[in-house]
Amino acid sequence: MAASSCPIRRPNRRTTVDLRPLLEELSVEEGVLRMRLRAGSGASAGPWDVLAALGLSDLGLEGVPLRRTTVEIQS
């Protein structure tokens, strides 16, 4: 969260996406990784992008569940 930028490159894409402005919150509480991502009309990122940036992309292969708990829409 302290980084000013976090460029990521998705497989089979030529351009990079800066993950940092899309990541509003990232914390670990009681062994649970929690994240809040911003979505909009521009670039977007998903939870697997965050896990890859953290070096945790193997969690999906290990069967660790990923669960969306809230969706907020602001107008």
C-alpha atoms as a PDB file:
ATOM      1  CA  MET A   1       0.000   0.000   0.000  1.00  0.00           C
ATOM      2  CA  ALA A   2       2.966   2.324   0.536  1.00  0.00           C
ATOM      3  CA  ALA A   3       4.097   2.038  -3.090  1.00  0.00           C
ATOM      4  CA  SER A   4       3.191   4.904  -5.393  1.00  0.00           C
ATOM      5  CA  SER A   5       2.774   2.503  -8.317  1.00  0.00           C
ATOM      6  CA  CYS A   6       2.522  -1.209  -8.984  1.00  0.00           C
ATOM      7  CA  PRO A   7       2.653  -1.946 -12.710  1.00  0.00           C
ATOM      8  CA  ILE A   8       1.427  -5.373 -13.734  1.00  0.00           C
ATOM      9  CA  ARG A   9       1.407  -7.106 -17.077  1.00  0.00           C
ATOM     10  CA  ARG A  10      -1.279  -9.620 -17.814  1.00  0.00           C
ATOM     11  CA  PRO A  11      -0.524 -12.709 -19.871  1.00  0.00           C
ATOM     12  CA  ASN A  12      -1.016 -12.244 -23.619  1.00  0.00           C
ATOM     13  CA  ARG A  13      -1.247  -8.427 -23.324  1.00  0.00           C
ATOM     14  CA  ARG A  14       1.281  -5.871 -24.457  1.00  0.00           C
ATOM     15  CA  THR A  15       0.358  -3.007 -22.161  1.00  0.00           C
ATOM     16  CA  THR A  16       0.834  -2.725 -18.420  1.00  0.00           C
ATOM     17  CA  VAL A  17      -1.749  -1.606 -15.872  1.00  0.00           C
ATOM     18  CA  ASP A  18      -0.859   0.310 -12.719  1.00  0.00           C
ATOM     19  CA  LEU A  19      -2.536  -1.665  -9.981  1.00  0.00           C
ATOM     20  CA  ARG A  20      -1.885   0.878  -7.214  1.00  0.00           C
ATOM     21  CA  PRO A  21      -4.617   3.471  -8.002  1.00  0.00           C
ATOM     22  CA  LEU A  22      -7.125   0.623  -8.339  1.00  0.00           C
ATOM     23  CA  LEU A  23      -6.312  -0.879  -4.940  1.00  0.00           C
ATOM     24  CA  GLU A  24      -8.087   1.057  -2.184  1.00  0.00           C
ATOM     25  CA  GLU A  25      -7.433  -1.312   0.710  1.00  0.00           C
ATOM     26  CA  LEU A  26      -5.241  -4.332   1.409  1.00  0.00           C
ATOM     27  CA  SER A  27      -4.983  -5.969   4.819  1.00  0.00           C
ATOM     28  CA  VAL A  28      -4.569  -9.291   6.576  1.00  0.00           C
ATOM     29  CA  GLU A  29      -6.902  -9.911   9.500  1.00  0.00           C
ATOM     30  CA  GLU A  30      -7.031 -13.229  11.364  1.00  0.00           C
ATOM     31  CA  GLY A  31      -5.312 -15.015   8.487  1.00  0.00           C
ATOM     32  CA  VAL A  32      -7.675 -13.562   5.862  1.00  0.00           C
ATOM     33  CA  LEU A  33      -6.367 -11.337   3.074  1.00  0.00           C
ATOM     34  CA  ARG A  34      -8.869  -8.550   2.437  1.00  0.00           C
ATOM     35  CA  MET A  35      -8.773  -6.183  -0.500  1.00  0.00           C
ATOM     36  CA  ARG A  36     -10.946  -3.425  -1.868  1.00  0.00           C
ATOM     37  CA  LEU A  37     -10.619  -2.690  -5.576  1.00  0.00           C
ATOM     38  CA  ARG A  38     -11.868   0.279  -7.560  1.00  0.00           C
ATOM     39  CA  ALA A  39     -13.679  -0.333 -10.820  1.00  0.00           C
ATOM     40  CA  GLY A  40     -14.690   2.227 -13.401  1.00  0.00           C
ATOM     41  CA  SER A  41     -14.683   3.066 -17.053  1.00  0.00           C
ATOM     42  CA  GLY A  42     -10.876   3.056 -17.289  1.00  0.00           C
ATOM     43  CA  ALA A  43      -8.397   0.370 -16.390  1.00  0.00           C
ATOM     44  CA  SER A  44      -9.533  -2.346 -14.025  1.00  0.00           C
ATOM     45  CA  ALA A  45      -7.968  -5.081 -11.962  1.00  0.00           C
ATOM     46  CA  GLY A  46      -9.267  -8.198 -10.318  1.00  0.00           C
ATOM     47  CA  PRO A  47      -8.314 -10.059  -7.178  1.00  0.00           C
ATOM     48  CA  TRP A  48      -6.140 -12.500  -9.119  1.00  0.00           C
ATOM     49  CA  ASP A  49      -4.118  -9.517 -10.397  1.00  0.00           C
ATOM     50  CA  VAL A  50      -3.486  -8.459  -6.787  1.00  0.00           C
ATOM     51  CA  LEU A  51      -2.498 -11.991  -5.775  1.00  0.00           C
ATOM     52  CA  ALA A  52      -0.089 -12.204  -8.717  1.00  0.00           C
ATOM     53  CA  ALA A  53       1.507  -8.876  -7.734  1.00  0.00           C
ATOM     54  CA  LEU A  54       1.981 -10.234  -4.210  1.00  0.00           C
ATOM     55  CA  GLY A  55       3.566 -13.428  -5.539  1.00  0.00           C
ATOM     56  CA  LEU A  56       0.566 -15.498  -4.448  1.00  0.00           C
ATOM     57  CA  SER A  57      -0.842 -16.587  -7.796  1.00  0.00           C
ATOM     58  CA  ASP A  58      -0.331 -20.257  -6.871  1.00  0.00           C
ATOM     59  CA  LEU A  59      -3.124 -20.039  -4.291  1.00  0.00           C
ATOM     60  CA  GLY A  60      -5.709 -20.809  -6.954  1.00  0.00           C
ATOM     61  CA  LEU A  61      -3.851 -23.975  -7.926  1.00  0.00           C
ATOM     62  CA  GLU A  62      -3.760 -24.992  -4.260  1.00  0.00           C
ATOM     63  CA  GLY A  63      -7.538 -24.722  -3.982  1.00  0.00           C
ATOM     64  CA  VAL A  64      -7.620 -21.679  -1.716  1.00  0.00           C
ATOM     65  CA  PRO A  65     -11.088 -20.116  -2.060  1.00  0.00           C
ATOM     66  CA  LEU A  66     -11.569 -16.554  -3.220  1.00  0.00           C
ATOM     67  CA  ARG A  67     -14.820 -14.961  -2.119  1.00  0.00           C
ATOM     68  CA  ARG A  68     -16.409 -11.631  -3.019  1.00  0.00           C
ATOM     69  CA  THR A  69     -18.163 -10.257   0.027  1.00  0.00           C
ATOM     70  CA  THR A  70     -19.434  -6.855  -1.069  1.00  0.00           C
ATOM     71  CA  VAL A  71     -20.178  -4.863  -4.199  1.00  0.00           C
ATOM     72  CA  GLU A  72     -20.690  -1.114  -3.793  1.00  0.00           C
ATOM     73  CA  ILE A  73     -22.005   1.169  -6.515  1.00  0.00           C
ATOM     74  CA  GLN A  74     -21.565   4.907  -6.266  1.00  0.00           C
ATOM     75  CA  SER A  75     -23.327   7.329  -8.569  1.00  0.00           C
END
